[in-house]
């Protein structure tokens, strides 16, 4: 909801400030969301759509997912604000044309304005959220946009002044956003490889793009900064990986100088009457690495007992076949201990 929408419901600016300590969350300047249904009857007009089931409450996970969902909400809210402004401008133009008539001069002005690049294009992490790409972990709390000739950081918005070619932009929800390929490239230029590689992996795994399309877009970019960083991320990408946690693990293998790990290897476990697929397999070292991603980490005691037993039998079968199994939790992906253990095993097999 925008400030104008809340005011139209009968709230003053002082009321909005008080509601922020109750059921309203400020996403960015002039943009708010309702966090939950509260007990204050005067706030009913704010959360009525939640109470009626039209909208849903924010889900509080108590972990890094909350930060990503909050940024996602801020991006979508800004998209909505942009859409409303464009609709108002279009309506105003139509009303003026209706009053004065459409002349050849105004038609020429319309052609000129339509050829002018948009004032704002969503980019980087914000564009990735719009495209539905995974954010491995929070790296910014700001909505990221591009405006030619402007480089500024505000509290909730990061504006970059690069030039985005027309073929690298597309319309989404009534506003402009960088294309999927350009978004992947921009993220790879700006952020760490574990953020960009997880996006590359996801896009390739889902068949949303190809390496050829990404390289063709990269060749068209006017910006040359950190091009080697983009090429490295693309070299590390693998469509076989199925989660950001696996992508981060692959980046860590590269950073530690480990080679030989192949993702998503399948074993026929006849005694278990099933096929077993592992996250990473190093055949020469007879080593299997399993990644317990963020989702598994926060399941906790909610995992059914029979599922735990199924996982135990699966791992025991692998060990019985002579494989060593190392499990890495989400938190351990960002520490050194497990990777030093892997290093010792790899060195002992040389």
C-alpha atoms as a PDB file:
ATOM      1  CA  UNK A   1       0.000   0.000   0.000  1.00  0.00           C
ATOM      2  CA  UNK A   2       1.184   3.525  -0.768  1.00  0.00           C
ATOM      3  CA  UNK A   3       0.876   6.461   1.594  1.00  0.00           C
ATOM      4  CA  UNK A   4      -1.840   7.895  -0.654  1.00  0.00           C
ATOM      5  CA  UNK A   5      -3.867   4.685  -0.479  1.00  0.00           C
ATOM      6  CA  UNK A   6      -3.640   4.587   3.317  1.00  0.00           C
ATOM      7  CA  UNK A   7      -4.605   8.251   3.588  1.00  0.00           C
ATOM      8  CA  UNK A   8      -7.630   7.605   1.362  1.00  0.00           C
ATOM      9  CA  UNK A   9      -8.730   4.998   3.928  1.00  0.00           C
ATOM     10  CA  UNK A  10      -8.990   7.814   6.454  1.00  0.00           C
ATOM     11  CA  UNK A  11      -5.603   7.594   8.181  1.00  0.00           C
ATOM     12  CA  UNK A  12      -3.410  10.574   8.955  1.00  0.00           C
ATOM     13  CA  UNK A  13       0.386  10.540   8.741  1.00  0.00           C
ATOM     14  CA  UNK A  14       0.471  10.345  12.542  1.00  0.00           C
ATOM     15  CA  UNK A  15      -1.828   7.302  12.385  1.00  0.00           C
ATOM     16  CA  UNK A  16       0.569   5.647   9.927  1.00  0.00           C
ATOM     17  CA  UNK A  17       3.530   6.250  12.244  1.00  0.00           C
ATOM     18  CA  UNK A  18       1.651   4.648  15.139  1.00  0.00           C
ATOM     19  CA  UNK A  19       0.571   1.711  12.959  1.00  0.00           C
ATOM     20  CA  UNK A  20       4.234   1.020  12.107  1.00  0.00           C
ATOM     21  CA  UNK A  21       4.744  -0.079  15.720  1.00  0.00           C
ATOM     22  CA  UNK A  22       1.799  -2.430  15.404  1.00  0.00           C
ATOM     23  CA  UNK A  23       0.782  -4.127  12.153  1.00  0.00           C
ATOM     24  CA  UNK A  24       2.340  -2.047   9.345  1.00  0.00           C
ATOM     25  CA  UNK A  25       5.843  -2.434   7.917  1.00  0.00           C
ATOM     26  CA  UNK A  26       7.592   0.303   5.921  1.00  0.00           C
ATOM     27  CA  UNK A  27       9.147  -1.228   2.805  1.00  0.00           C
ATOM     28  CA  UNK A  28      10.507   1.971   1.251  1.00  0.00           C
ATOM     29  CA  UNK A  29       9.627   5.640   1.138  1.00  0.00           C
ATOM     30  CA  UNK A  30       5.884   5.947   0.728  1.00  0.00           C
ATOM     31  CA  UNK A  31       5.347   2.169   0.462  1.00  0.00           C
ATOM     32  CA  UNK A  32       4.036  -0.074   3.235  1.00  0.00           C
ATOM     33  CA  UNK A  33       2.839  -3.622   3.788  1.00  0.00           C
ATOM     34  CA  UNK A  34       0.605  -5.090   6.478  1.00  0.00           C
ATOM     35  CA  UNK A  35       2.462  -7.696   8.515  1.00  0.00           C
ATOM     36  CA  UNK A  36      -0.446  -9.331  10.305  1.00  0.00           C
ATOM     37  CA  UNK A  37      -3.960  -8.952  11.637  1.00  0.00           C
ATOM     38  CA  UNK A  38      -3.754  -6.980  14.896  1.00  0.00           C
ATOM     39  CA  UNK A  39      -6.186  -6.398  17.780  1.00  0.00           C
ATOM     40  CA  UNK A  40      -6.670  -2.671  17.108  1.00  0.00           C
ATOM     41  CA  UNK A  41     -10.143  -2.243  15.651  1.00  0.00           C
ATOM     42  CA  UNK A  42      -9.217   1.120  14.081  1.00  0.00           C
ATOM     43  CA  UNK A  43      -6.664  -0.722  11.917  1.00  0.00           C
ATOM     44  CA  UNK A  44      -9.258  -3.043  10.409  1.00  0.00           C
ATOM     45  CA  UNK A  45      -9.291  -1.132   7.122  1.00  0.00           C
ATOM     46  CA  UNK A  46      -5.569  -1.831   6.774  1.00  0.00           C
ATOM     47  CA  UNK A  47      -5.719  -5.596   7.220  1.00  0.00           C
ATOM     48  CA  UNK A  48      -9.267  -6.299   6.050  1.00  0.00           C
ATOM     49  CA  UNK A  49      -8.031  -8.074   2.898  1.00  0.00           C
ATOM     50  CA  UNK A  50      -5.963 -10.449   5.063  1.00  0.00           C
ATOM     51  CA  UNK A  51      -8.948 -11.151   7.305  1.00  0.00           C
ATOM     52  CA  UNK A  52     -11.077 -11.825   4.217  1.00  0.00           C
ATOM     53  CA  UNK A  53      -8.477 -14.120   2.669  1.00  0.00           C
ATOM     54  CA  UNK A  54      -7.718 -11.907  -0.334  1.00  0.00           C
ATOM     55  CA  UNK A  55      -4.128 -11.458   0.838  1.00  0.00           C
ATOM     56  CA  UNK A  56      -1.942 -13.509   3.168  1.00  0.00           C
ATOM     57  CA  UNK A  57       0.255 -12.569   6.111  1.00  0.00           C
ATOM     58  CA  UNK A  58       4.025 -12.502   5.945  1.00  0.00           C
ATOM     59  CA  UNK A  59       5.468 -15.838   7.024  1.00  0.00           C
ATOM     60  CA  UNK A  60       8.100 -15.318   9.695  1.00  0.00           C
ATOM     61  CA  UNK A  61      10.803 -17.993   9.417  1.00  0.00           C
ATOM     62  CA  UNK A  62      13.191 -16.547  11.960  1.00  0.00           C
ATOM     63  CA  UNK A  63      16.167 -16.935   9.613  1.00  0.00           C
ATOM     64  CA  UNK A  64      17.723 -15.346   6.529  1.00  0.00           C
ATOM     65  CA  UNK A  65      14.651 -16.083   4.430  1.00  0.00           C
ATOM     66  CA  UNK A  66      12.809 -13.256   6.195  1.00  0.00           C
ATOM     67  CA  UNK A  67      15.297 -10.697   4.860  1.00  0.00           C
ATOM     68  CA  UNK A  68      14.956 -12.002   1.304  1.00  0.00           C
ATOM     69  CA  UNK A  69      11.156 -12.017   1.470  1.00  0.00           C
ATOM     70  CA  UNK A  70      11.145  -8.464   2.819  1.00  0.00           C
ATOM     71  CA  UNK A  71      13.332  -7.285  -0.060  1.00  0.00           C
ATOM     72  CA  UNK A  72      11.100  -9.171  -2.505  1.00  0.00           C
ATOM     73  CA  UNK A  73       8.065  -7.364  -1.075  1.00  0.00           C
ATOM     74  CA  UNK A  74       9.857  -4.009  -1.400  1.00  0.00           C
ATOM     75  CA  UNK A  75      10.700  -4.709  -5.051  1.00  0.00           C
ATOM     76  CA  UNK A  76       7.148  -5.768  -5.892  1.00  0.00           C
ATOM     77  CA  UNK A  77       5.760  -2.743  -4.055  1.00  0.00           C
ATOM     78  CA  UNK A  78       7.966  -0.412  -6.083  1.00  0.00           C
ATOM     79  CA  UNK A  79       6.825  -2.175  -9.270  1.00  0.00           C
ATOM     80  CA  UNK A  80       3.238  -1.484  -8.225  1.00  0.00           C
ATOM     81  CA  UNK A  81       3.982   2.184  -7.515  1.00  0.00           C
ATOM     82  CA  UNK A  82       5.687   2.564 -10.911  1.00  0.00           C
ATOM     83  CA  UNK A  83       2.731   0.884 -12.605  1.00  0.00           C
ATOM     84  CA  UNK A  84       0.257   3.224 -10.892  1.00  0.00           C
ATOM     85  CA  UNK A  85       2.264   6.323 -11.854  1.00  0.00           C
ATOM     86  CA  UNK A  86       2.475   5.219 -15.477  1.00  0.00           C
ATOM     87  CA  UNK A  87      -1.258   4.519 -15.526  1.00  0.00           C
ATOM     88  CA  UNK A  88      -1.969   7.986 -14.117  1.00  0.00           C
ATOM     89  CA  UNK A  89       0.331   9.623 -16.683  1.00  0.00           C
ATOM     90  CA  UNK A  90      -1.308   7.697 -19.511  1.00  0.00           C
ATOM     91  CA  UNK A  91      -4.759   8.685 -18.300  1.00  0.00           C
ATOM     92  CA  UNK A  92      -3.685  12.329 -18.064  1.00  0.00           C
ATOM     93  CA  UNK A  93      -2.322  12.241 -21.618  1.00  0.00           C
ATOM     94  CA  UNK A  94      -5.536  10.726 -22.919  1.00  0.00           C
ATOM     95  CA  UNK A  95      -7.606  13.375 -21.156  1.00  0.00           C
ATOM     96  CA  UNK A  96      -5.453  16.179 -22.582  1.00  0.00           C
ATOM     97  CA  UNK A  97      -5.658  14.695 -26.069  1.00  0.00           C
ATOM     98  CA  UNK A  98      -9.414  14.443 -25.709  1.00  0.00           C
ATOM     99  CA  UNK A  99      -9.618  18.125 -24.833  1.00  0.00           C
ATOM    100  CA  UNK A 100      -7.251  19.463 -27.517  1.00  0.00           C
ATOM    101  CA  UNK A 101      -7.460  16.822 -30.229  1.00  0.00           C
ATOM    102  CA  UNK A 102      -4.569  14.803 -31.614  1.00  0.00           C
ATOM    103  CA  UNK A 103      -2.360  16.813 -33.923  1.00  0.00           C
ATOM    104  CA  UNK A 104       0.566  15.652 -36.031  1.00  0.00           C
ATOM    105  CA  UNK A 105       2.841  17.504 -33.604  1.00  0.00           C
ATOM    106  CA  UNK A 106       1.525  15.598 -30.591  1.00  0.00           C
ATOM    107  CA  UNK A 107       1.808  12.341 -32.515  1.00  0.00           C
ATOM    108  CA  UNK A 108       5.466  13.127 -33.214  1.00  0.00           C
ATOM    109  CA  UNK A 109       5.965  13.864 -29.515  1.00  0.00           C
ATOM    110  CA  UNK A 110       4.438  10.485 -28.668  1.00  0.00           C
ATOM    111  CA  UNK A 111       6.810   8.715 -31.061  1.00  0.00           C
ATOM    112  CA  UNK A 112       9.763  10.561 -29.543  1.00  0.00           C
ATOM    113  CA  UNK A 113       8.753   9.767 -25.963  1.00  0.00           C
ATOM    114  CA  UNK A 114       8.185   6.082 -26.763  1.00  0.00           C
ATOM    115  CA  UNK A 115      11.704   5.867 -28.210  1.00  0.00           C
ATOM    116  CA  UNK A 116      13.238   7.445 -25.100  1.00  0.00           C
ATOM    117  CA  UNK A 117      14.778   4.935 -22.664  1.00  0.00           C
ATOM    118  CA  UNK A 118      12.705   4.463 -19.500  1.00  0.00           C
ATOM    119  CA  UNK A 119      13.621   6.580 -16.501  1.00  0.00           C
ATOM    120  CA  UNK A 120      14.077   3.527 -14.302  1.00  0.00           C
ATOM    121  CA  UNK A 121      14.936  -0.120 -14.930  1.00  0.00           C
ATOM    122  CA  UNK A 122      14.974  -2.760 -12.191  1.00  0.00           C
ATOM    123  CA  UNK A 123      18.327  -4.555 -12.158  1.00  0.00           C
ATOM    124  CA  UNK A 124      20.704  -6.847 -10.251  1.00  0.00           C
ATOM    125  CA  UNK A 125      19.174  -8.612  -7.201  1.00  0.00           C
ATOM    126  CA  UNK A 126      15.844  -6.815  -7.644  1.00  0.00           C
ATOM    127  CA  UNK A 127      15.597  -8.033 -11.241  1.00  0.00           C
ATOM    128  CA  UNK A 128      16.589 -11.527 -10.102  1.00  0.00           C
ATOM    129  CA  UNK A 129      13.663 -11.557  -7.655  1.00  0.00           C
ATOM    130  CA  UNK A 130      11.280 -10.425 -10.389  1.00  0.00           C
ATOM    131  CA  UNK A 131      12.565 -13.230 -12.653  1.00  0.00           C
ATOM    132  CA  UNK A 132      12.120 -15.770  -9.838  1.00  0.00           C
ATOM    133  CA  UNK A 133      15.819 -16.578  -9.437  1.00  0.00           C
ATOM    134  CA  UNK A 134      17.056 -17.806  -6.037  1.00  0.00           C
ATOM    135  CA  UNK A 135      18.968 -15.505  -3.693  1.00  0.00           C
ATOM    136  CA  UNK A 136      21.347 -17.821  -1.835  1.00  0.00           C
ATOM    137  CA  UNK A 137      21.658 -15.445   1.118  1.00  0.00           C
ATOM    138  CA  UNK A 138      20.941 -11.736   1.737  1.00  0.00           C
ATOM    139  CA  UNK A 139      23.496  -9.407   0.127  1.00  0.00           C
ATOM    140  CA  UNK A 140      21.526  -6.160   0.038  1.00  0.00           C
ATOM    141  CA  UNK A 141      18.449  -4.620   1.641  1.00  0.00           C
ATOM    142  CA  UNK A 142      18.063  -2.031  -1.125  1.00  0.00           C
ATOM    143  CA  UNK A 143      15.908  -2.075  -4.243  1.00  0.00           C
ATOM    144  CA  UNK A 144      18.331  -1.843  -7.184  1.00  0.00           C
ATOM    145  CA  UNK A 145      17.480   0.192 -10.275  1.00  0.00           C
ATOM    146  CA  UNK A 146      19.280   1.788 -13.222  1.00  0.00           C
ATOM    147  CA  UNK A 147      18.788   5.402 -14.249  1.00  0.00           C
ATOM    148  CA  UNK A 148      21.144   6.691 -16.972  1.00  0.00           C
ATOM    149  CA  UNK A 149      23.631   9.209 -15.610  1.00  0.00           C
ATOM    150  CA  UNK A 150      22.665   8.781 -11.933  1.00  0.00           C
ATOM    151  CA  UNK A 151      24.779   7.032  -9.278  1.00  0.00           C
ATOM    152  CA  UNK A 152      23.295   7.390  -5.811  1.00  0.00           C
ATOM    153  CA  UNK A 153      22.574   5.307  -2.743  1.00  0.00           C
ATOM    154  CA  UNK A 154      19.481   6.086  -0.725  1.00  0.00           C
ATOM    155  CA  UNK A 155      18.328   4.320   2.421  1.00  0.00           C
ATOM    156  CA  UNK A 156      16.160   1.823   0.578  1.00  0.00           C
ATOM    157  CA  UNK A 157      17.190   2.272  -3.090  1.00  0.00           C
ATOM    158  CA  UNK A 158      20.520   1.847  -4.899  1.00  0.00           C
ATOM    159  CA  UNK A 159      20.566   3.749  -8.219  1.00  0.00           C
ATOM    160  CA  UNK A 160      23.215   2.888 -10.817  1.00  0.00           C
ATOM    161  CA  UNK A 161      23.965   5.113 -13.776  1.00  0.00           C
ATOM    162  CA  UNK A 162      24.938   2.524 -16.391  1.00  0.00           C
ATOM    163  CA  UNK A 163      23.294   2.450 -19.818  1.00  0.00           C
ATOM    164  CA  UNK A 164      21.111  -0.586 -20.534  1.00  0.00           C
ATOM    165  CA  UNK A 165      20.625  -1.278 -24.280  1.00  0.00           C
ATOM    166  CA  UNK A 166      17.038  -1.631 -25.415  1.00  0.00           C
ATOM    167  CA  UNK A 167      17.512  -5.330 -26.209  1.00  0.00           C
ATOM    168  CA  UNK A 168      18.570  -5.927 -22.590  1.00  0.00           C
ATOM    169  CA  UNK A 169      15.278  -4.604 -21.169  1.00  0.00           C
ATOM    170  CA  UNK A 170      11.822  -6.087 -21.032  1.00  0.00           C
ATOM    171  CA  UNK A 171       8.440  -5.114 -19.657  1.00  0.00           C
ATOM    172  CA  UNK A 172       7.251  -6.915 -16.536  1.00  0.00           C
ATOM    173  CA  UNK A 173       4.154  -5.930 -14.532  1.00  0.00           C
ATOM    174  CA  UNK A 174       3.931  -2.564 -16.209  1.00  0.00           C
ATOM    175  CA  UNK A 175       7.551  -1.571 -15.582  1.00  0.00           C
ATOM    176  CA  UNK A 176      10.998  -2.164 -17.086  1.00  0.00           C
ATOM    177  CA  UNK A 177      13.432  -4.823 -15.866  1.00  0.00           C
ATOM    178  CA  UNK A 178      16.696  -6.145 -17.233  1.00  0.00           C
ATOM    179  CA  UNK A 179      16.330  -9.376 -19.204  1.00  0.00           C
ATOM    180  CA  UNK A 180      17.163 -12.665 -17.529  1.00  0.00           C
ATOM    181  CA  UNK A 181      20.539 -12.928 -19.262  1.00  0.00           C
ATOM    182  CA  UNK A 182      21.494  -9.316 -18.475  1.00  0.00           C
ATOM    183  CA  UNK A 183      20.387  -9.807 -14.870  1.00  0.00           C
ATOM    184  CA  UNK A 184      22.642 -12.850 -14.486  1.00  0.00           C
ATOM    185  CA  UNK A 185      25.561 -10.906 -15.944  1.00  0.00           C
ATOM    186  CA  UNK A 186      25.003  -7.851 -13.731  1.00  0.00           C
ATOM    187  CA  UNK A 187      24.794  -9.980 -10.592  1.00  0.00           C
ATOM    188  CA  UNK A 188      27.982 -11.825 -11.558  1.00  0.00           C
ATOM    189  CA  UNK A 189      29.812  -8.520 -12.108  1.00  0.00           C
ATOM    190  CA  UNK A 190      28.762  -7.134  -8.740  1.00  0.00           C
ATOM    191  CA  UNK A 191      28.408  -9.945  -6.217  1.00  0.00           C
ATOM    192  CA  UNK A 192      30.375 -12.946  -4.988  1.00  0.00           C
ATOM    193  CA  UNK A 193      30.465 -16.115  -7.136  1.00  0.00           C
ATOM    194  CA  UNK A 194      28.336 -18.126  -4.697  1.00  0.00           C
ATOM    195  CA  UNK A 195      25.477 -15.661  -5.297  1.00  0.00           C
ATOM    196  CA  UNK A 196      25.853 -15.565  -9.092  1.00  0.00           C
ATOM    197  CA  UNK A 197      26.654 -19.255  -9.662  1.00  0.00           C
ATOM    198  CA  UNK A 198      23.537 -20.331  -7.761  1.00  0.00           C
ATOM    199  CA  UNK A 199      21.480 -18.142 -10.129  1.00  0.00           C
ATOM    200  CA  UNK A 200      23.274 -19.439 -13.229  1.00  0.00           C
ATOM    201  CA  UNK A 201      22.721 -23.029 -12.076  1.00  0.00           C
ATOM    202  CA  UNK A 202      19.034 -22.436 -11.422  1.00  0.00           C
ATOM    203  CA  UNK A 203      18.391 -20.697 -14.743  1.00  0.00           C
ATOM    204  CA  UNK A 204      20.226 -23.405 -16.699  1.00  0.00           C
ATOM    205  CA  UNK A 205      18.616 -26.243 -14.704  1.00  0.00           C
ATOM    206  CA  UNK A 206      15.113 -24.872 -15.385  1.00  0.00           C
ATOM    207  CA  UNK A 207      15.872 -24.298 -19.065  1.00  0.00           C
ATOM    208  CA  UNK A 208      15.215 -20.552 -18.799  1.00  0.00           C
ATOM    209  CA  UNK A 209      18.318 -19.702 -20.830  1.00  0.00           C
ATOM    210  CA  UNK A 210      21.485 -21.186 -22.339  1.00  0.00           C
ATOM    211  CA  UNK A 211      25.197 -20.476 -22.104  1.00  0.00           C
ATOM    212  CA  UNK A 212      25.118 -19.274 -25.697  1.00  0.00           C
ATOM    213  CA  UNK A 213      22.436 -16.668 -24.935  1.00  0.00           C
ATOM    214  CA  UNK A 214      24.329 -15.438 -21.881  1.00  0.00           C
ATOM    215  CA  UNK A 215      27.588 -15.104 -23.834  1.00  0.00           C
ATOM    216  CA  UNK A 216      25.793 -13.303 -26.671  1.00  0.00           C
ATOM    217  CA  UNK A 217      24.313 -10.823 -24.186  1.00  0.00           C
ATOM    218  CA  UNK A 218      27.700 -10.353 -22.522  1.00  0.00           C
ATOM    219  CA  UNK A 219      29.238  -9.453 -25.898  1.00  0.00           C
ATOM    220  CA  UNK A 220      26.579  -6.742 -26.361  1.00  0.00           C
ATOM    221  CA  UNK A 221      27.173  -5.074 -22.980  1.00  0.00           C
ATOM    222  CA  UNK A 222      28.642  -1.590 -23.074  1.00  0.00           C
ATOM    223  CA  UNK A 223      30.111  -2.163 -19.624  1.00  0.00           C
ATOM    224  CA  UNK A 224      33.393  -4.100 -19.476  1.00  0.00           C
ATOM    225  CA  UNK A 225      34.019  -3.994 -15.726  1.00  0.00           C
ATOM    226  CA  UNK A 226      34.564  -7.416 -14.095  1.00  0.00           C
ATOM    227  CA  UNK A 227      33.965  -9.319 -17.330  1.00  0.00           C
ATOM    228  CA  UNK A 228      36.388 -12.036 -16.207  1.00  0.00           C
ATOM    229  CA  UNK A 229      34.318 -12.429 -13.054  1.00  0.00           C
ATOM    230  CA  UNK A 230      31.234 -13.074 -15.191  1.00  0.00           C
ATOM    231  CA  UNK A 231      33.081 -15.618 -17.341  1.00  0.00           C
ATOM    232  CA  UNK A 232      34.328 -17.409 -14.209  1.00  0.00           C
ATOM    233  CA  UNK A 233      30.801 -17.680 -12.806  1.00  0.00           C
ATOM    234  CA  UNK A 234      29.575 -19.102 -16.109  1.00  0.00           C
ATOM    235  CA  UNK A 235      32.482 -21.569 -16.214  1.00  0.00           C
ATOM    236  CA  UNK A 236      31.580 -22.771 -12.705  1.00  0.00           C
ATOM    237  CA  UNK A 237      27.878 -23.113 -13.518  1.00  0.00           C
ATOM    238  CA  UNK A 238      26.351 -26.570 -13.935  1.00  0.00           C
ATOM    239  CA  UNK A 239      22.724 -27.268 -14.856  1.00  0.00           C
ATOM    240  CA  UNK A 240      22.769 -30.542 -12.908  1.00  0.00           C
ATOM    241  CA  UNK A 241      22.826 -28.837  -9.512  1.00  0.00           C
ATOM    242  CA  UNK A 242      19.446 -28.520  -7.864  1.00  0.00           C
ATOM    243  CA  UNK A 243      19.790 -26.025  -5.014  1.00  0.00           C
ATOM    244  CA  UNK A 244      21.690 -22.879  -4.014  1.00  0.00           C
ATOM    245  CA  UNK A 245      23.405 -24.887  -1.267  1.00  0.00           C
ATOM    246  CA  UNK A 246      24.885 -27.248  -3.865  1.00  0.00           C
ATOM    247  CA  UNK A 247      26.003 -24.274  -5.958  1.00  0.00           C
ATOM    248  CA  UNK A 248      27.733 -22.690  -2.970  1.00  0.00           C
ATOM    249  CA  UNK A 249      29.466 -26.002  -2.220  1.00  0.00           C
ATOM    250  CA  UNK A 250      30.740 -26.165  -5.819  1.00  0.00           C
ATOM    251  CA  UNK A 251      32.139 -22.636  -5.513  1.00  0.00           C
ATOM    252  CA  UNK A 252      33.846 -23.612  -2.250  1.00  0.00           C
ATOM    253  CA  UNK A 253      35.411 -26.653  -3.973  1.00  0.00           C
ATOM    254  CA  UNK A 254      36.835 -24.330  -6.623  1.00  0.00           C
ATOM    255  CA  UNK A 255      38.100 -21.846  -4.041  1.00  0.00           C
ATOM    256  CA  UNK A 256      39.885 -24.650  -2.168  1.00  0.00           C
ATOM    257  CA  UNK A 257      41.360 -26.087  -5.345  1.00  0.00           C
ATOM    258  CA  UNK A 258      39.343 -29.324  -5.273  1.00  0.00           C
ATOM    259  CA  UNK A 259      38.723 -30.996  -8.630  1.00  0.00           C
ATOM    260  CA  UNK A 260      36.956 -34.218  -9.558  1.00  0.00           C
ATOM    261  CA  UNK A 261      33.609 -33.699  -7.811  1.00  0.00           C
ATOM    262  CA  UNK A 262      30.688 -34.626 -10.091  1.00  0.00           C
ATOM    263  CA  UNK A 263      27.131 -33.594  -9.118  1.00  0.00           C
ATOM    264  CA  UNK A 264      24.016 -35.738  -8.989  1.00  0.00           C
ATOM    265  CA  UNK A 265      25.490 -39.230  -9.416  1.00  0.00           C
ATOM    266  CA  UNK A 266      22.970 -42.114  -9.202  1.00  0.00           C
ATOM    267  CA  UNK A 267      23.606 -45.554  -7.650  1.00  0.00           C
ATOM    268  CA  UNK A 268      21.430 -48.650  -8.013  1.00  0.00           C
ATOM    269  CA  UNK A 269      20.876 -49.898  -4.455  1.00  0.00           C
ATOM    270  CA  UNK A 270      19.263 -53.249  -5.174  1.00  0.00           C
ATOM    271  CA  UNK A 271      19.155 -54.335  -1.530  1.00  0.00           C
ATOM    272  CA  UNK A 272      17.157 -51.209  -0.708  1.00  0.00           C
ATOM    273  CA  UNK A 273      15.021 -51.629  -3.839  1.00  0.00           C
ATOM    274  CA  UNK A 274      15.689 -48.058  -4.882  1.00  0.00           C
ATOM    275  CA  UNK A 275      18.096 -45.771  -6.658  1.00  0.00           C
ATOM    276  CA  UNK A 276      20.272 -43.433  -4.620  1.00  0.00           C
ATOM    277  CA  UNK A 277      21.275 -40.037  -5.917  1.00  0.00           C
ATOM    278  CA  UNK A 278      24.054 -38.112  -4.184  1.00  0.00           C
ATOM    279  CA  UNK A 279      24.888 -34.418  -4.349  1.00  0.00           C
ATOM    280  CA  UNK A 280      28.608 -34.791  -5.169  1.00  0.00           C
ATOM    281  CA  UNK A 281      30.763 -37.821  -5.920  1.00  0.00           C
ATOM    282  CA  UNK A 282      34.569 -37.996  -6.173  1.00  0.00           C
ATOM    283  CA  UNK A 283      35.214 -41.429  -7.697  1.00  0.00           C
ATOM    284  CA  UNK A 284      39.004 -41.434  -7.359  1.00  0.00           C
ATOM    285  CA  UNK A 285      38.816 -40.686  -3.623  1.00  0.00           C
ATOM    286  CA  UNK A 286      35.730 -42.857  -3.078  1.00  0.00           C
ATOM    287  CA  UNK A 287      34.195 -39.812  -1.407  1.00  0.00           C
ATOM    288  CA  UNK A 288      30.614 -38.568  -1.384  1.00  0.00           C
ATOM    289  CA  UNK A 289      29.632 -35.112  -0.168  1.00  0.00           C
ATOM    290  CA  UNK A 290      26.029 -34.458   0.779  1.00  0.00           C
ATOM    291  CA  UNK A 291      24.787 -30.889   1.285  1.00  0.00           C
ATOM    292  CA  UNK A 292      22.091 -30.243   3.869  1.00  0.00           C
ATOM    293  CA  UNK A 293      20.685 -27.002   2.509  1.00  0.00           C
ATOM    294  CA  UNK A 294      18.824 -24.237   4.277  1.00  0.00           C
ATOM    295  CA  UNK A 295      15.483 -25.986   3.972  1.00  0.00           C
ATOM    296  CA  UNK A 296      16.753 -29.150   5.643  1.00  0.00           C
ATOM    297  CA  UNK A 297      18.534 -27.126   8.299  1.00  0.00           C
ATOM    298  CA  UNK A 298      15.330 -25.479   9.479  1.00  0.00           C
ATOM    299  CA  UNK A 299      13.135 -28.554   9.364  1.00  0.00           C
ATOM    300  CA  UNK A 300      14.540 -29.570  12.741  1.00  0.00           C
ATOM    301  CA  UNK A 301      12.383 -31.995  14.671  1.00  0.00           C
ATOM    302  CA  UNK A 302       9.683 -31.635  12.037  1.00  0.00           C
ATOM    303  CA  UNK A 303      11.353 -34.339   9.930  1.00  0.00           C
ATOM    304  CA  UNK A 304       9.315 -37.570  10.266  1.00  0.00           C
ATOM    305  CA  UNK A 305      11.036 -40.425  12.035  1.00  0.00           C
ATOM    306  CA  UNK A 306      10.646 -42.812   9.117  1.00  0.00           C
ATOM    307  CA  UNK A 307      12.291 -40.268   6.798  1.00  0.00           C
ATOM    308  CA  UNK A 308      15.282 -40.050   9.132  1.00  0.00           C
ATOM    309  CA  UNK A 309      15.519 -43.823   9.164  1.00  0.00           C
ATOM    310  CA  UNK A 310      15.313 -43.910   5.380  1.00  0.00           C
ATOM    311  CA  UNK A 311      18.209 -41.454   5.185  1.00  0.00           C
ATOM    312  CA  UNK A 312      20.243 -43.486   7.702  1.00  0.00           C
ATOM    313  CA  UNK A 313      19.803 -46.703   5.650  1.00  0.00           C
ATOM    314  CA  UNK A 314      20.720 -44.824   2.489  1.00  0.00           C
ATOM    315  CA  UNK A 315      23.971 -43.528   3.971  1.00  0.00           C
ATOM    316  CA  UNK A 316      24.838 -46.908   5.507  1.00  0.00           C
ATOM    317  CA  UNK A 317      24.424 -48.591   2.108  1.00  0.00           C
ATOM    318  CA  UNK A 318      26.936 -46.144   0.615  1.00  0.00           C
ATOM    319  CA  UNK A 319      29.424 -46.813   3.419  1.00  0.00           C
ATOM    320  CA  UNK A 320      28.983 -50.583   2.957  1.00  0.00           C
ATOM    321  CA  UNK A 321      29.998 -50.136  -0.682  1.00  0.00           C
ATOM    322  CA  UNK A 322      33.276 -48.526   0.420  1.00  0.00           C
ATOM    323  CA  UNK A 323      32.325 -44.876   0.095  1.00  0.00           C
ATOM    324  CA  UNK A 324      33.171 -42.267   2.680  1.00  0.00           C
ATOM    325  CA  UNK A 325      30.322 -39.819   3.245  1.00  0.00           C
ATOM    326  CA  UNK A 326      30.716 -36.258   4.465  1.00  0.00           C
ATOM    327  CA  UNK A 327      27.630 -34.199   5.240  1.00  0.00           C
ATOM    328  CA  UNK A 328      27.879 -30.407   5.156  1.00  0.00           C
ATOM    329  CA  UNK A 329      25.183 -28.282   6.764  1.00  0.00           C
ATOM    330  CA  UNK A 330      24.178 -24.846   5.522  1.00  0.00           C
ATOM    331  CA  UNK A 331      26.195 -23.099   8.240  1.00  0.00           C
ATOM    332  CA  UNK A 332      29.241 -25.259   7.564  1.00  0.00           C
ATOM    333  CA  UNK A 333      29.349 -24.028   3.979  1.00  0.00           C
ATOM    334  CA  UNK A 334      30.654 -20.753   5.395  1.00  0.00           C
ATOM    335  CA  UNK A 335      33.329 -22.246   7.656  1.00  0.00           C
ATOM    336  CA  UNK A 336      36.584 -24.102   6.947  1.00  0.00           C
ATOM    337  CA  UNK A 337      36.362 -27.278   9.042  1.00  0.00           C
ATOM    338  CA  UNK A 338      34.514 -29.561   6.605  1.00  0.00           C
ATOM    339  CA  UNK A 339      36.600 -28.444   3.640  1.00  0.00           C
ATOM    340  CA  UNK A 340      39.823 -29.127   5.531  1.00  0.00           C
ATOM    341  CA  UNK A 341      38.487 -32.622   6.215  1.00  0.00           C
ATOM    342  CA  UNK A 342      37.823 -33.053   2.492  1.00  0.00           C
ATOM    343  CA  UNK A 343      41.330 -31.789   1.718  1.00  0.00           C
ATOM    344  CA  UNK A 344      42.901 -34.403   4.005  1.00  0.00           C
ATOM    345  CA  UNK A 345      40.929 -37.198   2.346  1.00  0.00           C
ATOM    346  CA  UNK A 346      41.847 -36.046  -1.156  1.00  0.00           C
ATOM    347  CA  UNK A 347      45.530 -35.720  -0.245  1.00  0.00           C
ATOM    348  CA  UNK A 348      45.601 -39.199   1.291  1.00  0.00           C
ATOM    349  CA  UNK A 349      44.399 -40.762  -1.977  1.00  0.00           C
ATOM    350  CA  UNK A 350      47.097 -39.248  -4.192  1.00  0.00           C
END
